Amino acid sequence: TRRTAEELIAQAKKYRPYWGETGGITVSGGEPLLQIEFLTELFQKAKE
C-alpha cells in the first residue's frame, strides 16, 4: 500500500500512550534501505 510519511506518523501517534519511556517506531521489511529516501523522511518527521 502506498502511504505518506505524514499518514504513518499520524497513525503511529495514536498508540503513543502505550510506548512508555522506551518505545517508538521500528521500520523493518523486506529491506527498508531500498526505500531510503522515504525512510529518511519518515524518521525525520518522527524525530520532530
All heavy atoms as atom14 arrays in JSON, in Angstrom:
{
  "sequence": "TRRTAEELIAQAKKYRPYWGETGGITVSGGEPLLQIEFLTELFQKAKE",
  "atom14_mask": [
    [1, 1, 1, 1, 1, 1, 1, 0, 0, 0, 0, 0, 0, 0],
    [1, 1, 1, 1, 1, 1, 1, 1, 1, 1, 1, 0, 0, 0],
    [1, 1, 1, 1, 1, 1, 1, 1, 1, 1, 1, 0, 0, 0],
    [1, 1, 1, 1, 1, 1, 1, 0, 0, 0, 0, 0, 0, 0],
    [1, 1, 1, 1, 1, 0, 0, 0, 0, 0, 0, 0, 0, 0],
    [1, 1, 1, 1, 1, 1, 1, 1, 1, 0, 0, 0, 0, 0],
    [1, 1, 1, 1, 1, 1, 1, 1, 1, 0, 0, 0, 0, 0],
    [1, 1, 1, 1, 1, 1, 1, 1, 0, 0, 0, 0, 0, 0],
    [1, 1, 1, 1, 1, 1, 1, 1, 0, 0, 0, 0, 0, 0],
    [1, 1, 1, 1, 1, 0, 0, 0, 0, 0, 0, 0, 0, 0],
    [1, 1, 1, 1, 1, 1, 1, 1, 1, 0, 0, 0, 0, 0],
    [1, 1, 1, 1, 1, 0, 0, 0, 0, 0, 0, 0, 0, 0],
    [1, 1, 1, 1, 1, 1, 1, 1, 1, 0, 0, 0, 0, 0],
    [1, 1, 1, 1, 1, 1, 1, 1, 1, 0, 0, 0, 0, 0],
    [1, 1, 1, 1, 1, 1, 1, 1, 1, 1, 1, 1, 0, 0],
    [1, 1, 1, 1, 1, 1, 1, 1, 1, 1, 1, 0, 0, 0],
    [1, 1, 1, 1, 1, 1, 1, 0, 0, 0, 0, 0, 0, 0],
    [1, 1, 1, 1, 1, 1, 1, 1, 1, 1, 1, 1, 0, 0],
    [1, 1, 1, 1, 1, 1, 1, 1, 1, 1, 1, 1, 1, 1],
    [1, 1, 1, 1, 0, 0, 0, 0, 0, 0, 0, 0, 0, 0],
    [1, 1, 1, 1, 1, 1, 1, 1, 1, 0, 0, 0, 0, 0],
    [1, 1, 1, 1, 1, 1, 1, 0, 0, 0, 0, 0, 0, 0],
    [1, 1, 1, 1, 0, 0, 0, 0, 0, 0, 0, 0, 0, 0],
    [1, 1, 1, 1, 0, 0, 0, 0, 0, 0, 0, 0, 0, 0],
    [1, 1, 1, 1, 1, 1, 1, 1, 0, 0, 0, 0, 0, 0],
    [1, 1, 1, 1, 1, 1, 1, 0, 0, 0, 0, 0, 0, 0],
    [1, 1, 1, 1, 1, 1, 1, 0, 0, 0, 0, 0, 0, 0],
    [1, 1, 1, 1, 1, 1, 0, 0, 0, 0, 0, 0, 0, 0],
    [1, 1, 1, 1, 0, 0, 0, 0, 0, 0, 0, 0, 0, 0],
    [1, 1, 1, 1, 0, 0, 0, 0, 0, 0, 0, 0, 0, 0],
    [1, 1, 1, 1, 1, 1, 1, 1, 1, 0, 0, 0, 0, 0],
    [1, 1, 1, 1, 1, 1, 1, 0, 0, 0, 0, 0, 0, 0],
    [1, 1, 1, 1, 1, 1, 1, 1, 0, 0, 0, 0, 0, 0],
    [1, 1, 1, 1, 1, 1, 1, 1, 0, 0, 0, 0, 0, 0],
    [1, 1, 1, 1, 1, 1, 1, 1, 1, 0, 0, 0, 0, 0],
    [1, 1, 1, 1, 1, 1, 1, 1, 0, 0, 0, 0, 0, 0],
    [1, 1, 1, 1, 1, 1, 1, 1, 1, 0, 0, 0, 0, 0],
    [1, 1, 1, 1, 1, 1, 1, 1, 1, 1, 1, 0, 0, 0],
    [1, 1, 1, 1, 1, 1, 1, 1, 0, 0, 0, 0, 0, 0],
    [1, 1, 1, 1, 1, 1, 1, 0, 0, 0, 0, 0, 0, 0],
    [1, 1, 1, 1, 1, 1, 1, 1, 1, 0, 0, 0, 0, 0],
    [1, 1, 1, 1, 1, 1, 1, 1, 0, 0, 0, 0, 0, 0],
    [1, 1, 1, 1, 1, 1, 1, 1, 1, 1, 1, 0, 0, 0],
    [1, 1, 1, 1, 1, 1, 1, 1, 1, 0, 0, 0, 0, 0],
    [1, 1, 1, 1, 1, 1, 1, 1, 1, 0, 0, 0, 0, 0],
    [1, 1, 1, 1, 1, 0, 0, 0, 0, 0, 0, 0, 0, 0],
    [1, 1, 1, 1, 1, 1, 1, 1, 1, 0, 0, 0, 0, 0],
    [1, 1, 1, 1, 1, 1, 1, 1, 1, 0, 0, 0, 0, 0]
  ],
  "atom14_positions": [
    [[0.84, -1.2, 0.0], [0.0, 0.0, 0.0], [0.88, 1.25, 0.0], [1.83, 1.34, 0.77], [-0.89, 0.02, 1.26], [-1.66, -1.18, 1.3], [-1.84, 1.21, 1.23], [0.0, 0.0, 0.0], [0.0, 0.0, 0.0], [0.0, 0.0, 0.0], [0.0, 0.0, 0.0], [0.0, 0.0, 0.0], [0.0, 0.0, 0.0], [0.0, 0.0, 0.0]],
    [[0.54, 2.21, -0.84], [1.3, 3.45, -0.9], [0.82, 4.37, 0.23], [-0.37, 4.67, 0.34], [1.13, 4.11, -2.26], [1.74, 3.3, -3.39], [1.45, 3.88, -4.75], [2.11, 5.17, -4.93], [2.11, 5.84, -6.09], [1.48, 5.32, -7.14], [2.72, 7.0, -6.2], [0.0, 0.0, 0.0], [0.0, 0.0, 0.0], [0.0, 0.0, 0.0]],
    [[1.78, 4.8, 1.08], [1.46, 5.65, 2.21], [2.46, 6.8, 2.29], [3.63, 6.66, 1.9], [1.53, 4.85, 3.53], [0.65, 3.63, 3.62], [-0.81, 4.0, 3.83], [-1.0, 4.8, 5.04], [-1.15, 4.27, 6.27], [-1.11, 2.95, 6.44], [-1.36, 5.05, 7.31], [0.0, 0.0, 0.0], [0.0, 0.0, 0.0], [0.0, 0.0, 0.0]],
    [[2.02, 7.93, 2.81], [2.93, 9.04, 3.03], [3.5, 8.94, 4.44], [2.93, 8.3, 5.33], [2.22, 10.4, 2.89], [1.26, 10.54, 3.94], [1.53, 10.51, 1.53], [0.0, 0.0, 0.0], [0.0, 0.0, 0.0], [0.0, 0.0, 0.0], [0.0, 0.0, 0.0], [0.0, 0.0, 0.0], [0.0, 0.0, 0.0], [0.0, 0.0, 0.0]],
    [[4.63, 9.63, 4.65], [5.23, 9.66, 5.98], [4.28, 10.31, 6.99], [4.17, 9.87, 8.14], [6.55, 10.42, 5.93], [0.0, 0.0, 0.0], [0.0, 0.0, 0.0], [0.0, 0.0, 0.0], [0.0, 0.0, 0.0], [0.0, 0.0, 0.0], [0.0, 0.0, 0.0], [0.0, 0.0, 0.0], [0.0, 0.0, 0.0], [0.0, 0.0, 0.0]],
    [[3.6, 11.36, 6.56], [2.66, 12.05, 7.45], [1.56, 11.11, 7.92], [1.19, 11.11, 9.11], [2.04, 13.25, 6.73], [3.01, 14.39, 6.48], [3.76, 14.25, 5.17], [3.69, 13.16, 4.54], [4.45, 15.21, 4.79], [0.0, 0.0, 0.0], [0.0, 0.0, 0.0], [0.0, 0.0, 0.0], [0.0, 0.0, 0.0], [0.0, 0.0, 0.0]],
    [[1.03, 10.3, 7.01], [-0.03, 9.37, 7.37], [0.45, 8.35, 8.4], [-0.25, 8.04, 9.36], [-0.53, 8.63, 6.12], [-1.31, 9.49, 5.14], [-1.59, 8.78, 3.84], [-0.94, 7.75, 3.55], [-2.46, 9.25, 3.1], [0.0, 0.0, 0.0], [0.0, 0.0, 0.0], [0.0, 0.0, 0.0], [0.0, 0.0, 0.0], [0.0, 0.0, 0.0]],
    [[1.64, 7.84, 8.2], [2.17, 6.82, 9.09], [2.47, 7.39, 10.48], [2.19, 6.75, 11.49], [3.43, 6.2, 8.49], [3.19, 5.33, 7.26], [4.52, 4.96, 6.61], [2.41, 4.08, 7.6], [0.0, 0.0, 0.0], [0.0, 0.0, 0.0], [0.0, 0.0, 0.0], [0.0, 0.0, 0.0], [0.0, 0.0, 0.0], [0.0, 0.0, 0.0]],
    [[3.04, 8.59, 10.53], [3.31, 9.21, 11.83], [2.01, 9.48, 12.57], [1.9, 9.23, 13.79], [4.1, 10.52, 11.66], [5.5, 10.23, 11.11], [4.2, 11.27, 12.98], [6.38, 9.4, 12.0], [0.0, 0.0, 0.0], [0.0, 0.0, 0.0], [0.0, 0.0, 0.0], [0.0, 0.0, 0.0], [0.0, 0.0, 0.0], [0.0, 0.0, 0.0]],
    [[1.0, 9.97, 11.86], [-0.29, 10.23, 12.5], [-0.91, 8.95, 13.05], [-1.47, 8.94, 14.15], [-1.24, 10.89, 11.49], [0.0, 0.0, 0.0], [0.0, 0.0, 0.0], [0.0, 0.0, 0.0], [0.0, 0.0, 0.0], [0.0, 0.0, 0.0], [0.0, 0.0, 0.0], [0.0, 0.0, 0.0], [0.0, 0.0, 0.0], [0.0, 0.0, 0.0]],
    [[-0.79, 7.87, 12.29], [-1.32, 6.58, 12.75], [-0.54, 6.09, 13.97], [-1.12, 5.61, 14.94], [-1.27, 5.55, 11.63], [-1.87, 4.2, 12.02], [-1.83, 3.19, 10.89], [-1.46, 3.53, 9.75], [-2.19, 1.96, 11.16], [0.0, 0.0, 0.0], [0.0, 0.0, 0.0], [0.0, 0.0, 0.0], [0.0, 0.0, 0.0], [0.0, 0.0, 0.0]],
    [[0.78, 6.2, 13.9], [1.62, 5.72, 14.99], [1.33, 6.46, 16.29], [1.29, 5.86, 17.38], [3.1, 5.88, 14.62], [0.0, 0.0, 0.0], [0.0, 0.0, 0.0], [0.0, 0.0, 0.0], [0.0, 0.0, 0.0], [0.0, 0.0, 0.0], [0.0, 0.0, 0.0], [0.0, 0.0, 0.0], [0.0, 0.0, 0.0], [0.0, 0.0, 0.0]],
    [[1.12, 7.75, 16.21], [0.92, 8.57, 17.41], [-0.33, 8.17, 18.2], [-0.42, 8.44, 19.39], [0.86, 10.06, 17.03], [2.22, 10.63, 16.67], [2.11, 12.02, 16.06], [1.48, 13.01, 17.0], [1.41, 14.38, 16.4], [0.0, 0.0, 0.0], [0.0, 0.0, 0.0], [0.0, 0.0, 0.0], [0.0, 0.0, 0.0], [0.0, 0.0, 0.0]],
    [[-1.26, 7.51, 17.54], [-2.45, 7.04, 18.25], [-2.1, 6.01, 19.32], [-2.84, 5.82, 20.28], [-3.44, 6.44, 17.26], [-4.01, 7.44, 16.25], [-4.94, 6.75, 15.26], [-5.47, 7.75, 14.23], [-6.35, 7.09, 13.23], [0.0, 0.0, 0.0], [0.0, 0.0, 0.0], [0.0, 0.0, 0.0], [0.0, 0.0, 0.0], [0.0, 0.0, 0.0]],
    [[-0.95, 5.34, 19.12], [-0.55, 4.27, 20.05], [0.54, 4.74, 21.01], [1.02, 3.96, 21.83], [-0.05, 3.06, 19.25], [-1.11, 2.51, 18.33], [-1.22, 2.96, 17.01], [-2.03, 1.57, 18.79], [-2.22, 2.48, 16.17], [-3.02, 1.08, 17.95], [-3.12, 1.54, 16.65], [-4.11, 1.06, 15.83], [0.0, 0.0, 0.0], [0.0, 0.0, 0.0]],
    [[0.88, 6.01, 20.94], [1.97, 6.54, 21.76], [1.77, 6.33, 23.26], [2.75, 6.09, 23.98], [2.18, 8.01, 21.45], [3.49, 8.56, 21.97], [3.81, 9.91, 21.38], [5.17, 10.31, 21.67], [5.79, 11.33, 21.1], [5.16, 12.06, 20.19], [7.03, 11.63, 21.41], [0.0, 0.0, 0.0], [0.0, 0.0, 0.0], [0.0, 0.0, 0.0]],
    [[0.55, 6.4, 23.79], [0.37, 6.19, 25.23], [0.86, 4.82, 25.72], [1.14, 4.66, 26.91], [-1.14, 6.34, 25.42], [-1.58, 7.22, 24.3], [-0.71, 6.83, 23.15], [0.0, 0.0, 0.0], [0.0, 0.0, 0.0], [0.0, 0.0, 0.0], [0.0, 0.0, 0.0], [0.0, 0.0, 0.0], [0.0, 0.0, 0.0], [0.0, 0.0, 0.0]],
    [[0.98, 3.86, 24.82], [1.39, 2.51, 25.2], [2.92, 2.33, 25.15], [3.43, 1.3, 25.58], [0.73, 1.48, 24.3], [-0.78, 1.54, 24.31], [-1.47, 2.22, 23.3], [-1.51, 0.95, 25.34], [-2.85, 2.29, 23.3], [-2.9, 1.03, 25.36], [-3.56, 1.7, 24.34], [-4.94, 1.77, 24.36], [0.0, 0.0, 0.0], [0.0, 0.0, 0.0]],
    [[3.64, 3.28, 24.6], [5.06, 3.1, 24.36], [5.91, 3.26, 25.62], [7.02, 2.72, 25.69], [5.58, 4.11, 23.32], [4.99, 3.91, 21.96], [4.27, 2.84, 21.52], [5.06, 4.82, 20.86], [3.88, 3.02, 20.22], [4.36, 4.24, 19.78], [5.64, 6.08, 20.7], [4.23, 4.86, 18.55], [5.51, 6.71, 19.46], [4.82, 6.09, 18.41]],
    [[5.41, 3.99, 26.59], [6.2, 4.23, 27.79], [7.44, 5.06, 27.48], [7.46, 5.87, 26.56], [0.0, 0.0, 0.0], [0.0, 0.0, 0.0], [0.0, 0.0, 0.0], [0.0, 0.0, 0.0], [0.0, 0.0, 0.0], [0.0, 0.0, 0.0], [0.0, 0.0, 0.0], [0.0, 0.0, 0.0], [0.0, 0.0, 0.0], [0.0, 0.0, 0.0]],
    [[8.48, 4.82, 28.25], [9.7, 5.63, 28.11], [10.62, 5.14, 27.0], [11.46, 5.88, 26.52], [10.49, 5.59, 29.43], [9.68, 6.08, 30.59], [10.23, 7.35, 31.2], [11.43, 7.59, 31.05], [9.44, 8.07, 31.78], [0.0, 0.0, 0.0], [0.0, 0.0, 0.0], [0.0, 0.0, 0.0], [0.0, 0.0, 0.0], [0.0, 0.0, 0.0]],
    [[10.48, 3.86, 26.59], [11.47, 3.28, 25.67], [10.93, 2.91, 24.3], [11.71, 2.59, 23.41], [12.1, 2.01, 26.29], [11.05, 1.06, 26.56], [12.82, 2.34, 27.59], [0.0, 0.0, 0.0], [0.0, 0.0, 0.0], [0.0, 0.0, 0.0], [0.0, 0.0, 0.0], [0.0, 0.0, 0.0], [0.0, 0.0, 0.0], [0.0, 0.0, 0.0]],
    [[9.63, 2.93, 24.12], [9.05, 2.5, 22.85], [9.19, 3.54, 21.75], [9.82, 4.57, 21.91], [0.0, 0.0, 0.0], [0.0, 0.0, 0.0], [0.0, 0.0, 0.0], [0.0, 0.0, 0.0], [0.0, 0.0, 0.0], [0.0, 0.0, 0.0], [0.0, 0.0, 0.0], [0.0, 0.0, 0.0], [0.0, 0.0, 0.0], [0.0, 0.0, 0.0]],
    [[8.57, 3.24, 20.6], [8.64, 4.14, 19.46], [8.29, 3.45, 18.17], [7.47, 2.53, 18.13], [0.0, 0.0, 0.0], [0.0, 0.0, 0.0], [0.0, 0.0, 0.0], [0.0, 0.0, 0.0], [0.0, 0.0, 0.0], [0.0, 0.0, 0.0], [0.0, 0.0, 0.0], [0.0, 0.0, 0.0], [0.0, 0.0, 0.0], [0.0, 0.0, 0.0]],
    [[8.96, 3.86, 17.11], [8.71, 3.33, 15.76], [9.9, 2.5, 15.29], [11.05, 2.92, 15.42], [8.45, 4.47, 14.76], [7.11, 5.15, 15.05], [8.48, 3.95, 13.32], [6.84, 6.35, 14.17], [0.0, 0.0, 0.0], [0.0, 0.0, 0.0], [0.0, 0.0, 0.0], [0.0, 0.0, 0.0], [0.0, 0.0, 0.0], [0.0, 0.0, 0.0]],
    [[9.61, 1.32, 14.75], [10.61, 0.49, 14.09], [10.19, 0.31, 12.64], [9.02, 0.05, 12.36], [10.74, -0.89, 14.75], [11.22, -0.74, 16.09], [11.71, -1.79, 13.98], [0.0, 0.0, 0.0], [0.0, 0.0, 0.0], [0.0, 0.0, 0.0], [0.0, 0.0, 0.0], [0.0, 0.0, 0.0], [0.0, 0.0, 0.0], [0.0, 0.0, 0.0]],
    [[11.13, 0.46, 11.72], [10.85, 0.17, 10.31], [11.65, -1.06, 9.9], [12.87, -1.11, 10.07], [11.19, 1.37, 9.4], [10.93, 1.0, 7.94], [10.35, 2.58, 9.79], [0.0, 0.0, 0.0], [0.0, 0.0, 0.0], [0.0, 0.0, 0.0], [0.0, 0.0, 0.0], [0.0, 0.0, 0.0], [0.0, 0.0, 0.0], [0.0, 0.0, 0.0]],
    [[10.93, -2.05, 9.4], [11.51, -3.32, 9.0], [11.08, -3.62, 7.57], [10.72, -2.72, 6.82], [11.03, -4.41, 9.98], [11.65, -5.65, 9.72], [0.0, 0.0, 0.0], [0.0, 0.0, 0.0], [0.0, 0.0, 0.0], [0.0, 0.0, 0.0], [0.0, 0.0, 0.0], [0.0, 0.0, 0.0], [0.0, 0.0, 0.0], [0.0, 0.0, 0.0]],
    [[11.16, -4.88, 7.17], [10.79, -5.2, 5.79], [10.5, -6.67, 5.61], [10.12, -7.33, 6.57], [0.0, 0.0, 0.0], [0.0, 0.0, 0.0], [0.0, 0.0, 0.0], [0.0, 0.0, 0.0], [0.0, 0.0, 0.0], [0.0, 0.0, 0.0], [0.0, 0.0, 0.0], [0.0, 0.0, 0.0], [0.0, 0.0, 0.0], [0.0, 0.0, 0.0]],
    [[10.81, -7.14, 4.41], [11.57, -6.53, 3.35], [12.89, -5.93, 3.84], [13.41, -6.26, 4.87], [0.0, 0.0, 0.0], [0.0, 0.0, 0.0], [0.0, 0.0, 0.0], [0.0, 0.0, 0.0], [0.0, 0.0, 0.0], [0.0, 0.0, 0.0], [0.0, 0.0, 0.0], [0.0, 0.0, 0.0], [0.0, 0.0, 0.0], [0.0, 0.0, 0.0]],
    [[13.41, -5.06, 3.01], [14.64, -4.33, 3.31], [14.37, -2.84, 3.2], [14.26, -2.29, 2.09], [15.75, -4.74, 2.34], [17.04, -3.94, 2.47], [17.51, -3.8, 3.9], [17.93, -4.83, 4.48], [17.46, -2.68, 4.45], [0.0, 0.0, 0.0], [0.0, 0.0, 0.0], [0.0, 0.0, 0.0], [0.0, 0.0, 0.0], [0.0, 0.0, 0.0]],
    [[14.25, -2.14, 4.34], [13.88, -0.72, 4.33], [14.84, 0.17, 3.54], [14.42, 1.21, 3.02], [13.89, -0.35, 5.81], [13.7, -1.62, 6.54], [14.36, -2.67, 5.71], [0.0, 0.0, 0.0], [0.0, 0.0, 0.0], [0.0, 0.0, 0.0], [0.0, 0.0, 0.0], [0.0, 0.0, 0.0], [0.0, 0.0, 0.0], [0.0, 0.0, 0.0]],
    [[16.12, -0.22, 3.46], [17.1, 0.64, 2.78], [16.85, 0.75, 1.28], [17.4, 1.63, 0.62], [18.52, 0.15, 3.04], [19.0, 0.29, 4.48], [20.42, -0.25, 4.62], [18.93, 1.73, 4.97], [0.0, 0.0, 0.0], [0.0, 0.0, 0.0], [0.0, 0.0, 0.0], [0.0, 0.0, 0.0], [0.0, 0.0, 0.0], [0.0, 0.0, 0.0]],
    [[15.99, -0.1, 0.73], [15.63, 0.03, -0.68], [14.7, 1.22, -0.9], [14.5, 1.64, -2.03], [14.98, -1.26, -1.19], [15.9, -2.46, -1.32], [15.13, -3.68, -1.81], [17.06, -2.17, -2.26], [0.0, 0.0, 0.0], [0.0, 0.0, 0.0], [0.0, 0.0, 0.0], [0.0, 0.0, 0.0], [0.0, 0.0, 0.0], [0.0, 0.0, 0.0]],
    [[14.11, 1.72, 0.18], [13.27, 2.92, 0.11], [13.88, 4.0, 1.02], [13.21, 4.6, 1.84], [11.84, 2.61, 0.54], [11.15, 1.58, -0.34], [9.66, 1.48, -0.05], [8.92, 2.47, -0.1], [9.2, 0.28, 0.24], [0.0, 0.0, 0.0], [0.0, 0.0, 0.0], [0.0, 0.0, 0.0], [0.0, 0.0, 0.0], [0.0, 0.0, 0.0]],
    [[15.17, 4.24, 0.86], [15.92, 5.04, 1.82], [15.44, 6.49, 1.89], [15.41, 7.09, 2.99], [17.44, 4.97, 1.52], [18.23, 5.58, 2.69], [17.79, 5.61, 0.19], [19.71, 5.3, 2.62], [0.0, 0.0, 0.0], [0.0, 0.0, 0.0], [0.0, 0.0, 0.0], [0.0, 0.0, 0.0], [0.0, 0.0, 0.0], [0.0, 0.0, 0.0]],
    [[15.05, 7.09, 0.8], [14.61, 8.48, 0.84], [13.29, 8.61, 1.6], [13.1, 9.53, 2.42], [14.5, 9.05, -0.57], [15.85, 9.18, -1.27], [15.73, 9.76, -2.67], [14.58, 9.92, -3.15], [16.77, 10.07, -3.27], [0.0, 0.0, 0.0], [0.0, 0.0, 0.0], [0.0, 0.0, 0.0], [0.0, 0.0, 0.0], [0.0, 0.0, 0.0]],
    [[12.38, 7.69, 1.34], [11.11, 7.7, 2.08], [11.36, 7.41, 3.55], [10.78, 8.05, 4.43], [10.16, 6.65, 1.5], [8.91, 6.47, 2.31], [7.91, 7.43, 2.28], [8.74, 5.35, 3.11], [6.75, 7.28, 3.03], [7.58, 5.19, 3.88], [6.59, 6.16, 3.84], [0.0, 0.0, 0.0], [0.0, 0.0, 0.0], [0.0, 0.0, 0.0]],
    [[12.24, 6.46, 3.84], [12.57, 6.1, 5.22], [13.16, 7.3, 5.96], [12.81, 7.56, 7.13], [13.58, 4.94, 5.2], [14.15, 4.47, 6.53], [13.04, 3.97, 7.46], [15.18, 3.38, 6.3], [0.0, 0.0, 0.0], [0.0, 0.0, 0.0], [0.0, 0.0, 0.0], [0.0, 0.0, 0.0], [0.0, 0.0, 0.0], [0.0, 0.0, 0.0]],
    [[14.02, 8.05, 5.3], [14.63, 9.22, 5.92], [13.57, 10.27, 6.25], [13.57, 10.86, 7.34], [15.7, 9.82, 5.0], [16.71, 8.83, 4.75], [16.34, 11.04, 5.62], [0.0, 0.0, 0.0], [0.0, 0.0, 0.0], [0.0, 0.0, 0.0], [0.0, 0.0, 0.0], [0.0, 0.0, 0.0], [0.0, 0.0, 0.0], [0.0, 0.0, 0.0]],
    [[12.66, 10.51, 5.31], [11.59, 11.47, 5.57], [10.73, 11.02, 6.76], [10.37, 11.82, 7.62], [10.71, 11.64, 4.33], [9.59, 12.65, 4.53], [8.76, 12.86, 3.28], [9.33, 12.81, 2.16], [7.54, 13.09, 3.41], [0.0, 0.0, 0.0], [0.0, 0.0, 0.0], [0.0, 0.0, 0.0], [0.0, 0.0, 0.0], [0.0, 0.0, 0.0]],
    [[10.43, 9.74, 6.8], [9.62, 9.19, 7.89], [10.31, 9.37, 9.24], [9.71, 9.84, 10.21], [9.36, 7.7, 7.63], [8.59, 6.94, 8.72], [7.17, 7.47, 8.84], [8.58, 5.44, 8.41], [0.0, 0.0, 0.0], [0.0, 0.0, 0.0], [0.0, 0.0, 0.0], [0.0, 0.0, 0.0], [0.0, 0.0, 0.0], [0.0, 0.0, 0.0]],
    [[11.6, 9.03, 9.3], [12.34, 9.16, 10.56], [12.54, 10.62, 10.94], [12.54, 10.96, 12.13], [13.68, 8.43, 10.45], [13.61, 6.96, 10.76], [12.39, 6.31, 10.93], [14.76, 6.2, 10.89], [12.32, 4.96, 11.22], [14.71, 4.85, 11.19], [13.49, 4.23, 11.35], [0.0, 0.0, 0.0], [0.0, 0.0, 0.0], [0.0, 0.0, 0.0]],
    [[12.74, 11.47, 9.96], [12.9, 12.9, 10.26], [11.64, 13.44, 10.93], [11.71, 14.15, 11.93], [13.21, 13.69, 8.99], [13.43, 15.17, 9.24], [13.84, 15.91, 7.98], [13.94, 15.34, 6.89], [14.11, 17.2, 8.11], [0.0, 0.0, 0.0], [0.0, 0.0, 0.0], [0.0, 0.0, 0.0], [0.0, 0.0, 0.0], [0.0, 0.0, 0.0]],
    [[10.5, 13.08, 10.4], [9.24, 13.53, 10.97], [9.01, 12.9, 12.35], [8.44, 13.54, 13.24], [8.08, 13.22, 10.02], [8.12, 14.02, 8.73], [6.93, 13.77, 7.86], [7.02, 14.61, 6.58], [7.09, 16.07, 6.85], [0.0, 0.0, 0.0], [0.0, 0.0, 0.0], [0.0, 0.0, 0.0], [0.0, 0.0, 0.0], [0.0, 0.0, 0.0]],
    [[9.46, 11.66, 12.52], [9.35, 11.02, 13.83], [10.17, 11.76, 14.87], [9.7, 12.02, 15.99], [9.8, 9.56, 13.74], [0.0, 0.0, 0.0], [0.0, 0.0, 0.0], [0.0, 0.0, 0.0], [0.0, 0.0, 0.0], [0.0, 0.0, 0.0], [0.0, 0.0, 0.0], [0.0, 0.0, 0.0], [0.0, 0.0, 0.0], [0.0, 0.0, 0.0]],
    [[11.39, 12.13, 14.52], [12.25, 12.83, 15.47], [11.69, 14.22, 15.78], [11.87, 14.72, 16.9], [13.67, 12.94, 14.94], [14.4, 11.61, 14.73], [14.26, 10.66, 15.92], [14.87, 11.2, 17.19], [14.65, 10.27, 18.33], [0.0, 0.0, 0.0], [0.0, 0.0, 0.0], [0.0, 0.0, 0.0], [0.0, 0.0, 0.0], [0.0, 0.0, 0.0]],
    [[11.03, 14.86, 14.82], [10.39, 16.15, 15.09], [9.31, 16.0, 16.16], [9.0, 16.97, 16.87], [9.78, 16.71, 13.8], [10.83, 17.18, 12.8], [10.23, 17.52, 11.44], [8.99, 17.37, 11.28], [10.99, 17.94, 10.55], [0.0, 0.0, 0.0], [0.0, 0.0, 0.0], [0.0, 0.0, 0.0], [0.0, 0.0, 0.0], [0.0, 0.0, 0.0]]
  ]
}
